[in-house]
Protein backbone atom coordinates (compact mmCIF):
# COMPACT_ATOMS: atom_id res chain seq x y z
CA UNK A 1 0.00 0.00 0.00
CA UNK A 2 1.45 3.37 -0.97
CA UNK A 3 0.20 6.76 0.08
CA UNK A 4 -0.46 9.10 -2.87
CA UNK A 5 2.28 11.67 -3.27
CA UNK A 6 4.56 9.97 -0.74
CA UNK A 7 8.20 9.90 -1.88
CA UNK A 8 11.66 10.45 -0.44
CA UNK A 9 11.38 14.15 -1.23
CA UNK A 10 7.90 14.57 0.30
CA UNK A 11 8.35 12.49 3.48
CA UNK A 12 8.49 15.62 5.73
CA UNK A 13 5.07 16.71 4.43
CA UNK A 14 3.54 13.56 5.98
CA UNK A 15 4.73 14.12 9.56
CA UNK A 16 1.80 13.72 11.94
CA UNK A 17 -0.24 11.71 9.45
CA UNK A 18 -1.28 8.08 9.51
CA UNK A 19 0.38 6.44 6.52
CA UNK A 20 -1.90 3.44 6.62
CA UNK A 21 -3.20 0.36 8.36
CA UNK A 22 -2.05 -3.14 7.44
CA UNK A 23 -4.21 -6.16 6.76
CA UNK A 24 -5.08 -8.41 9.69
CA UNK A 25 -2.49 -11.12 10.43
CA UNK A 26 -3.41 -14.25 12.40
CA UNK A 27 -0.94 -15.25 15.10
CA UNK A 28 -1.11 -19.03 15.33
CA UNK A 29 0.68 -21.48 17.60
CA UNK A 30 2.97 -22.62 14.79
CA UNK A 31 4.36 -19.06 14.38
CA UNK A 32 4.76 -18.68 18.15
CA UNK A 33 6.54 -22.03 18.45
CA UNK A 34 8.91 -21.21 15.56
CA UNK A 35 9.76 -17.90 17.24
CA UNK A 36 10.37 -19.73 20.52
CA UNK A 37 12.73 -22.11 18.72
CA UNK A 38 14.64 -19.22 17.08
CA UNK A 39 15.06 -17.27 20.31
CA UNK A 40 15.33 -20.14 22.82
CA UNK A 41 12.46 -18.56 24.76
CA UNK A 42 10.46 -21.69 25.58
CA UNK A 43 8.52 -20.21 28.50
CA UNK A 44 5.36 -22.29 29.01
CA UNK A 45 3.02 -19.32 28.53
CA UNK A 46 4.11 -19.34 24.89
CA UNK A 47 4.56 -23.01 24.00
CA UNK A 48 2.67 -25.31 26.40
CA UNK A 49 -0.92 -25.18 25.15
CA UNK A 50 -2.34 -27.65 27.71
CA UNK A 51 -0.68 -25.96 30.70
CA UNK A 52 -1.74 -22.51 29.49
CA UNK A 53 -5.36 -23.68 29.15
CA UNK A 54 -5.15 -25.01 32.71
CA UNK A 55 -3.05 -22.42 34.54
CA UNK A 56 -2.97 -19.15 32.63
CA UNK A 57 -5.57 -16.52 33.53
CA UNK A 58 -5.94 -16.02 29.76
CA UNK A 59 -6.63 -19.76 29.23
CA UNK A 60 -4.41 -19.67 26.16
CA UNK A 61 -0.81 -19.44 25.12
CA UNK A 62 0.31 -15.97 24.09
CA UNK A 63 2.74 -14.54 21.55
CA UNK A 64 6.08 -13.33 22.77
CA UNK A 65 6.21 -9.54 23.02
CA UNK A 66 9.34 -9.63 20.89
CA UNK A 67 7.51 -11.67 18.25
CA UNK A 68 4.99 -8.85 17.98
CA UNK A 69 7.83 -6.33 17.84
CA UNK A 70 9.65 -8.32 15.16
CA UNK A 71 6.65 -8.04 12.85
CA UNK A 72 7.25 -4.29 12.50
CA UNK A 73 9.64 -5.00 9.63
CA UNK A 74 6.88 -6.76 7.70
CA UNK A 75 4.31 -4.12 8.55
CA UNK A 76 6.67 -1.27 7.62
CA UNK A 77 6.81 -2.50 4.04
CA UNK A 78 3.15 -3.48 3.88
CA UNK A 79 1.97 0.00 4.82
CA UNK A 80 4.49 1.73 2.54
CA UNK A 81 6.55 3.62 5.13
CA UNK A 82 9.55 3.14 2.85
CA UNK A 83 8.88 5.18 -0.32
CA UNK A 84 9.31 3.42 -3.67
CA UNK A 85 12.19 5.72 -4.64
CA UNK A 86 14.31 4.75 -1.62
CA UNK A 87 17.29 2.47 -2.35
CA UNK A 88 17.83 1.25 1.22
CA UNK A 89 15.97 1.33 4.52
CA UNK A 90 18.11 0.52 7.53
CA UNK A 91 16.80 -0.35 10.98
CA UNK A 92 18.08 2.45 13.23
CA UNK A 93 16.56 1.28 16.51
CA UNK A 94 13.67 2.08 18.79
CA UNK A 95 12.89 5.06 20.97
CA UNK A 96 10.03 3.58 22.97
CA UNK A 97 8.19 0.27 23.16
CA UNK A 98 5.26 -0.62 25.40
CA UNK A 99 3.56 -4.03 25.50
CA UNK A 100 0.03 -3.29 26.67
CA UNK A 101 -2.18 -6.32 25.98
CA UNK A 102 -1.12 -9.94 25.45
CA UNK A 103 -1.72 -11.40 22.00
CA UNK A 104 -3.53 -14.70 22.52
CA UNK A 105 -2.86 -17.55 20.16
CA UNK A 106 -5.32 -17.36 17.29
CA UNK A 107 -5.80 -13.60 17.58
CA UNK A 108 -5.49 -11.35 14.55
CA UNK A 109 -3.35 -8.21 14.72
CA UNK A 110 -2.68 -5.26 12.44
CA UNK A 111 -0.46 -2.20 12.51
CA UNK A 112 -1.57 1.42 12.33
CA UNK A 113 1.46 3.48 11.28
CA UNK A 114 1.87 7.22 11.86
CA UNK A 115 4.91 9.22 10.76
CA UNK A 116 6.22 11.16 13.77
CA UNK A 117 9.41 12.78 12.48
CA UNK A 118 11.84 13.03 9.57
CA UNK A 119 15.32 14.41 10.09
CA UNK A 120 17.64 15.33 7.23
CA UNK A 121 20.91 13.46 7.71
CA UNK A 122 22.75 14.78 4.68
CA UNK A 123 22.43 14.21 0.94
CA UNK A 124 20.12 11.31 0.20
CA UNK A 125 19.56 10.37 3.86
CA UNK A 126 16.51 10.80 6.07
CA UNK A 127 16.08 9.45 9.59
CA UNK A 128 12.37 8.76 10.09
CA UNK A 129 10.50 7.94 13.26
CA UNK A 130 7.18 6.13 13.02
CA UNK A 131 4.67 5.17 15.66
CA UNK A 132 3.42 1.61 15.26
CA UNK A 133 0.22 0.76 17.09
CA UNK A 134 -0.42 -2.98 16.98
CA UNK A 135 -4.15 -3.52 17.33
CA UNK A 136 -5.81 -6.81 18.29
CA UNK A 137 -9.09 -7.58 16.58
CA UNK A 138 -11.91 -7.27 19.11
CA UNK A 139 -9.73 -5.76 21.86
CA UNK A 140 -10.05 -2.23 23.15
CA UNK A 141 -6.39 -1.71 24.05
CA UNK A 142 -3.55 -2.26 21.59
CA UNK A 143 -1.06 -5.08 21.99
CA UNK A 144 1.88 -2.75 21.59
CA UNK A 145 2.85 0.81 20.78
CA UNK A 146 6.40 1.37 19.51
CA UNK A 147 8.38 4.26 18.07
CA UNK A 148 10.74 2.83 15.49
CA UNK A 149 13.55 4.57 13.64
CA UNK A 150 14.70 3.90 10.09
CA UNK A 151 17.39 5.49 7.96
CA UNK A 152 16.12 6.00 4.42
CA UNK A 153 18.80 6.20 1.76
CA UNK A 154 18.06 7.45 -1.76
CA UNK A 155 20.39 8.16 -4.67
């Protein structure tokens, strides 16, 4: 999804605007288990379905907070935060991350992306800050709100 008129040159004109909202993405146990395997975070609240149904107040396993955070890369491209005329987009870090509501297995999430800032870093370079609000279908509070930084490099 690309916002009309959004390009490397016009990024600053979009500060304070929502660039878009991604499609819903289902978070299933297979994805959670693969993430657990990759990160060696095998805490039972993520991977032991039977125990979670028995002992967790949520009666379900939940996604790792860092799994939710890791999906920002996917969502960044889906919503079109990186303009088509940019040659490279480099992860520059995070300013703030808050995990507010657990993502239960089987839930669907999406990202609402707002451009917060764009700082000129010399010829062909812009440091952008975007707010990512990860919404959970049917939940009042978001799963996560994060301010992510990316260095955009254009020729």
